[in-house]
Amino acid sequence: MPHQTRSTAGSPTEASPALPMSFSLSGGVDADQVQRARAVFSRLLAHAHEPVLSVRAALTLAPAHGRSSAAEASVQADVNGRRVHAHAEAASLHEAIAVAADRLEVQVARSARDWESRRGRHPRPSRGDGGAPAPSRS
C-alpha cells in the first residue's frame, strides 16, 4: 500500500509561492528525497508559461531483483487546465527525479500556446523600406 503525504508548504528559502503539490510514496523513500523532488519540480514549474494549478508526484523505490531500474518518479501537473505528465525509471531515485524533471520541462514547453514559434514558424520581418518591392536588376 503506497504511503500518501500531502503538503502545500514549500521550504522557507523558496522565493516563489508554494505550489499545491502532493506526493504518493512507495518503498523506502525518505523525506530528503521527497524534499529534493519538491524543490526540483517547483523550480522547473516556476518558469511555466501559465499558472500551475496543482502537481501530483509519485516516488517509488523497490528492490532491484535483477532489474536495471529500481526507482521510479512520475509527475503530473495541471498548467492552467492542460495536463502535462512525465515518468522515469532509473537505478537510483536521484537519477529518476532528474530524468522525470527533464521530461517534464519538455512537456511544459510543448504545452505552451505559442507552439508555432517553438516549431520554427516565425513571422518574417518586414523590410525597412516600408514593404516596397526590391528594385529589379537590369
C-alpha atoms as a PDB file:
ATOM      1  CA  MET A   1       0.000   0.000   0.000  1.00  0.00           C
ATOM      2  CA  PRO A   2       1.568   3.319  -1.019  1.00  0.00           C
ATOM      3  CA  HIS A   3       2.147   5.929   1.611  1.00  0.00           C
ATOM      4  CA  GLN A   4       0.337   9.205   0.924  1.00  0.00           C
ATOM      5  CA  THR A   5       1.569  12.590   2.024  1.00  0.00           C
ATOM      6  CA  ARG A   6       0.074  15.921   1.095  1.00  0.00           C
ATOM      7  CA  SER A   7       1.823  19.180   1.598  1.00  0.00           C
ATOM      8  CA  THR A   8       1.375  22.612   0.113  1.00  0.00           C
ATOM      9  CA  ALA A   9       4.099  24.330   2.082  1.00  0.00           C
ATOM     10  CA  GLY A  10       7.412  24.983   0.407  1.00  0.00           C
ATOM     11  CA  SER A  11      10.731  25.492   2.062  1.00  0.00           C
ATOM     12  CA  PRO A  12      11.231  28.901   3.658  1.00  0.00           C
ATOM     13  CA  THR A  13      14.069  29.677   1.263  1.00  0.00           C
ATOM     14  CA  GLU A  14      11.900  29.489  -1.882  1.00  0.00           C
ATOM     15  CA  ALA A  15      11.281  32.858  -3.489  1.00  0.00           C
ATOM     16  CA  SER A  16       8.136  31.804  -5.392  1.00  0.00           C
ATOM     17  CA  PRO A  17       4.848  30.913  -3.724  1.00  0.00           C
ATOM     18  CA  ALA A  18       4.447  27.245  -2.926  1.00  0.00           C
ATOM     19  CA  LEU A  19       2.670  25.103  -5.482  1.00  0.00           C
ATOM     20  CA  PRO A  20      -0.124  22.816  -4.357  1.00  0.00           C
ATOM     21  CA  MET A  21       1.864  19.573  -4.541  1.00  0.00           C
ATOM     22  CA  SER A  22       1.013  16.089  -3.313  1.00  0.00           C
ATOM     23  CA  PHE A  23       3.213  13.016  -3.184  1.00  0.00           C
ATOM     24  CA  SER A  24       2.476   9.323  -3.282  1.00  0.00           C
ATOM     25  CA  LEU A  25       5.350   7.298  -1.840  1.00  0.00           C
ATOM     26  CA  SER A  26       6.093   3.608  -2.154  1.00  0.00           C
ATOM     27  CA  GLY A  27       9.036   1.635  -0.818  1.00  0.00           C
ATOM     28  CA  GLY A  28      11.862   3.094   1.209  1.00  0.00           C
ATOM     29  CA  VAL A  29      11.551   6.719   0.064  1.00  0.00           C
ATOM     30  CA  ASP A  30      12.858   9.067   2.740  1.00  0.00           C
ATOM     31  CA  ALA A  31      11.977  12.683   3.496  1.00  0.00           C
ATOM     32  CA  ASP A  32      15.178  14.052   1.924  1.00  0.00           C
ATOM     33  CA  GLN A  33      14.256  12.527  -1.432  1.00  0.00           C
ATOM     34  CA  VAL A  34      10.749  13.985  -1.215  1.00  0.00           C
ATOM     35  CA  GLN A  35      12.161  17.424  -0.433  1.00  0.00           C
ATOM     36  CA  ARG A  36      14.600  17.140  -3.349  1.00  0.00           C
ATOM     37  CA  ALA A  37      11.787  16.179  -5.725  1.00  0.00           C
ATOM     38  CA  ARG A  38       9.650  19.055  -4.415  1.00  0.00           C
ATOM     39  CA  ALA A  39      12.484  21.530  -4.954  1.00  0.00           C
ATOM     40  CA  VAL A  40      13.327  20.255  -8.457  1.00  0.00           C
ATOM     41  CA  PHE A  41       9.732  20.170  -9.695  1.00  0.00           C
ATOM     42  CA  SER A  42       8.859  23.530  -8.077  1.00  0.00           C
ATOM     43  CA  ARG A  43      11.904  25.227  -9.595  1.00  0.00           C
ATOM     44  CA  LEU A  44      11.051  23.867 -13.027  1.00  0.00           C
ATOM     45  CA  LEU A  45       7.343  24.709 -12.884  1.00  0.00           C
ATOM     46  CA  ALA A  46       8.036  28.229 -11.613  1.00  0.00           C
ATOM     47  CA  HIS A  47       9.029  29.018 -15.217  1.00  0.00           C
ATOM     48  CA  ALA A  48       5.804  27.658 -16.747  1.00  0.00           C
ATOM     49  CA  HIS A  49       4.105  29.872 -19.313  1.00  0.00           C
ATOM     50  CA  GLU A  50       0.792  29.792 -17.409  1.00  0.00           C
ATOM     51  CA  PRO A  51      -0.252  29.282 -13.781  1.00  0.00           C
ATOM     52  CA  VAL A  52       0.344  25.823 -12.344  1.00  0.00           C
ATOM     53  CA  LEU A  53      -2.831  24.803 -10.533  1.00  0.00           C
ATOM     54  CA  SER A  54      -1.699  21.521  -8.988  1.00  0.00           C
ATOM     55  CA  VAL A  55       1.106  18.970  -9.043  1.00  0.00           C
ATOM     56  CA  ARG A  56       0.965  15.267  -8.170  1.00  0.00           C
ATOM     57  CA  ALA A  57       4.114  13.215  -7.910  1.00  0.00           C
ATOM     58  CA  ALA A  58       4.751   9.542  -7.217  1.00  0.00           C
ATOM     59  CA  LEU A  59       8.103   8.263  -5.985  1.00  0.00           C
ATOM     60  CA  THR A  60       8.796   4.539  -5.816  1.00  0.00           C
ATOM     61  CA  LEU A  61      11.864   2.776  -4.512  1.00  0.00           C
ATOM     62  CA  ALA A  62      11.792  -1.004  -4.884  1.00  0.00           C
ATOM     63  CA  PRO A  63      14.323  -3.809  -4.562  1.00  0.00           C
ATOM     64  CA  ALA A  64      16.121  -4.358  -7.881  1.00  0.00           C
ATOM     65  CA  HIS A  65      15.705  -8.187  -8.049  1.00  0.00           C
ATOM     66  CA  GLY A  66      17.604  -8.473 -11.322  1.00  0.00           C
ATOM     67  CA  ARG A  67      16.115  -5.338 -12.865  1.00  0.00           C
ATOM     68  CA  SER A  68      18.248  -2.456 -14.040  1.00  0.00           C
ATOM     69  CA  SER A  69      15.803   0.091 -12.650  1.00  0.00           C
ATOM     70  CA  ALA A  70      14.801   0.062  -9.013  1.00  0.00           C
ATOM     71  CA  ALA A  71      13.393   3.580  -8.736  1.00  0.00           C
ATOM     72  CA  GLU A  72      10.555   5.424 -10.446  1.00  0.00           C
ATOM     73  CA  ALA A  73       9.491   9.039 -10.449  1.00  0.00           C
ATOM     74  CA  SER A  74       6.278  10.244 -12.025  1.00  0.00           C
ATOM     75  CA  VAL A  75       4.862  13.759 -12.028  1.00  0.00           C
ATOM     76  CA  GLN A  76       1.635  15.224 -13.357  1.00  0.00           C
ATOM     77  CA  ALA A  77       0.993  18.950 -13.417  1.00  0.00           C
ATOM     78  CA  ASP A  78      -2.119  20.948 -14.251  1.00  0.00           C
ATOM     79  CA  VAL A  79      -0.872  24.004 -16.148  1.00  0.00           C
ATOM     80  CA  ASN A  80      -3.966  26.212 -16.331  1.00  0.00           C
ATOM     81  CA  GLY A  81      -6.164  23.282 -17.333  1.00  0.00           C
ATOM     82  CA  ARG A  82      -3.623  21.484 -19.517  1.00  0.00           C
ATOM     83  CA  ARG A  83      -2.320  18.234 -18.073  1.00  0.00           C
ATOM     84  CA  VAL A  84       1.368  17.505 -18.526  1.00  0.00           C
ATOM     85  CA  HIS A  85       2.956  14.243 -17.427  1.00  0.00           C
ATOM     86  CA  ALA A  86       6.463  12.833 -17.143  1.00  0.00           C
ATOM     87  CA  HIS A  87       7.659   9.454 -15.932  1.00  0.00           C
ATOM     88  CA  ALA A  88      11.134   7.984 -15.481  1.00  0.00           C
ATOM     89  CA  GLU A  89      12.703   4.770 -14.243  1.00  0.00           C
ATOM     90  CA  ALA A  90      16.341   4.593 -13.176  1.00  0.00           C
ATOM     91  CA  ALA A  91      18.793   2.766 -10.949  1.00  0.00           C
ATOM     92  CA  SER A  92      18.514   5.422  -8.214  1.00  0.00           C
ATOM     93  CA  LEU A  93      15.719   7.724  -7.131  1.00  0.00           C
ATOM     94  CA  HIS A  94      18.033  10.721  -7.513  1.00  0.00           C
ATOM     95  CA  GLU A  95      18.514   9.884 -11.199  1.00  0.00           C
ATOM     96  CA  ALA A  96      14.819   9.095 -11.754  1.00  0.00           C
ATOM     97  CA  ILE A  97      13.815  12.505 -10.354  1.00  0.00           C
ATOM     98  CA  ALA A  98      16.339  14.252 -12.620  1.00  0.00           C
ATOM     99  CA  VAL A  99      15.174  12.414 -15.752  1.00  0.00           C
ATOM    100  CA  ALA A 100      11.491  12.999 -14.911  1.00  0.00           C
ATOM    101  CA  ALA A 101      12.234  16.704 -14.410  1.00  0.00           C
ATOM    102  CA  ASP A 102      13.958  16.909 -17.808  1.00  0.00           C
ATOM    103  CA  ARG A 103      10.982  15.215 -19.456  1.00  0.00           C
ATOM    104  CA  LEU A 104       8.529  17.455 -17.598  1.00  0.00           C
ATOM    105  CA  GLU A 105      10.387  20.517 -18.834  1.00  0.00           C
ATOM    106  CA  VAL A 106       9.921  19.339 -22.434  1.00  0.00           C
ATOM    107  CA  GLN A 107       6.225  18.625 -21.859  1.00  0.00           C
ATOM    108  CA  VAL A 108       5.619  22.043 -20.293  1.00  0.00           C
ATOM    109  CA  ALA A 109       7.336  23.723 -23.248  1.00  0.00           C
ATOM    110  CA  ARG A 110       5.226  21.704 -25.705  1.00  0.00           C
ATOM    111  CA  SER A 111       2.015  22.661 -23.944  1.00  0.00           C
ATOM    112  CA  ALA A 112       2.632  26.380 -24.441  1.00  0.00           C
ATOM    113  CA  ARG A 113       0.054  28.158 -26.533  1.00  0.00           C
ATOM    114  CA  ASP A 114       2.676  29.711 -28.811  1.00  0.00           C
ATOM    115  CA  TRP A 115       3.677  26.314 -30.193  1.00  0.00           C
ATOM    116  CA  GLU A 116       4.268  27.731 -33.670  1.00  0.00           C
ATOM    117  CA  SER A 117       7.259  29.751 -32.519  1.00  0.00           C
ATOM    118  CA  ARG A 118       8.776  26.626 -30.999  1.00  0.00           C
ATOM    119  CA  ARG A 119       8.392  24.790 -34.300  1.00  0.00           C
ATOM    120  CA  GLY A 120      10.293  27.489 -36.188  1.00  0.00           C
ATOM    121  CA  ARG A 121       7.317  29.314 -37.673  1.00  0.00           C
ATOM    122  CA  HIS A 122       8.315  32.881 -37.012  1.00  0.00           C
ATOM    123  CA  PRO A 123       6.778  35.755 -38.955  1.00  0.00           C
ATOM    124  CA  ARG A 124       9.222  37.149 -41.440  1.00  0.00           C
ATOM    125  CA  PRO A 125      10.469  40.611 -40.543  1.00  0.00           C
ATOM    126  CA  SER A 126       9.353  43.354 -42.859  1.00  0.00           C
ATOM    127  CA  ARG A 127      11.931  45.191 -44.885  1.00  0.00           C
ATOM    128  CA  GLY A 128      12.973  48.600 -43.691  1.00  0.00           C
ATOM    129  CA  ASP A 129      11.687  50.220 -46.891  1.00  0.00           C
ATOM    130  CA  GLY A 130       8.024  50.014 -45.937  1.00  0.00           C
ATOM    131  CA  GLY A 131       7.334  46.819 -47.827  1.00  0.00           C
ATOM    132  CA  ALA A 132       8.045  48.172 -51.293  1.00  0.00           C
ATOM    133  CA  PRO A 133       9.296  45.589 -53.797  1.00  0.00           C
ATOM    134  CA  ALA A 134      13.025  45.288 -54.188  1.00  0.00           C
ATOM    135  CA  PRO A 135      14.484  47.118 -57.211  1.00  0.00           C
ATOM    136  CA  SER A 136      14.997  44.877 -60.185  1.00  0.00           C
ATOM    137  CA  ARG A 137      18.427  44.393 -61.682  1.00  0.00           C
ATOM    138  CA  SER A 138      18.506  45.116 -65.335  1.00  0.00           C
END
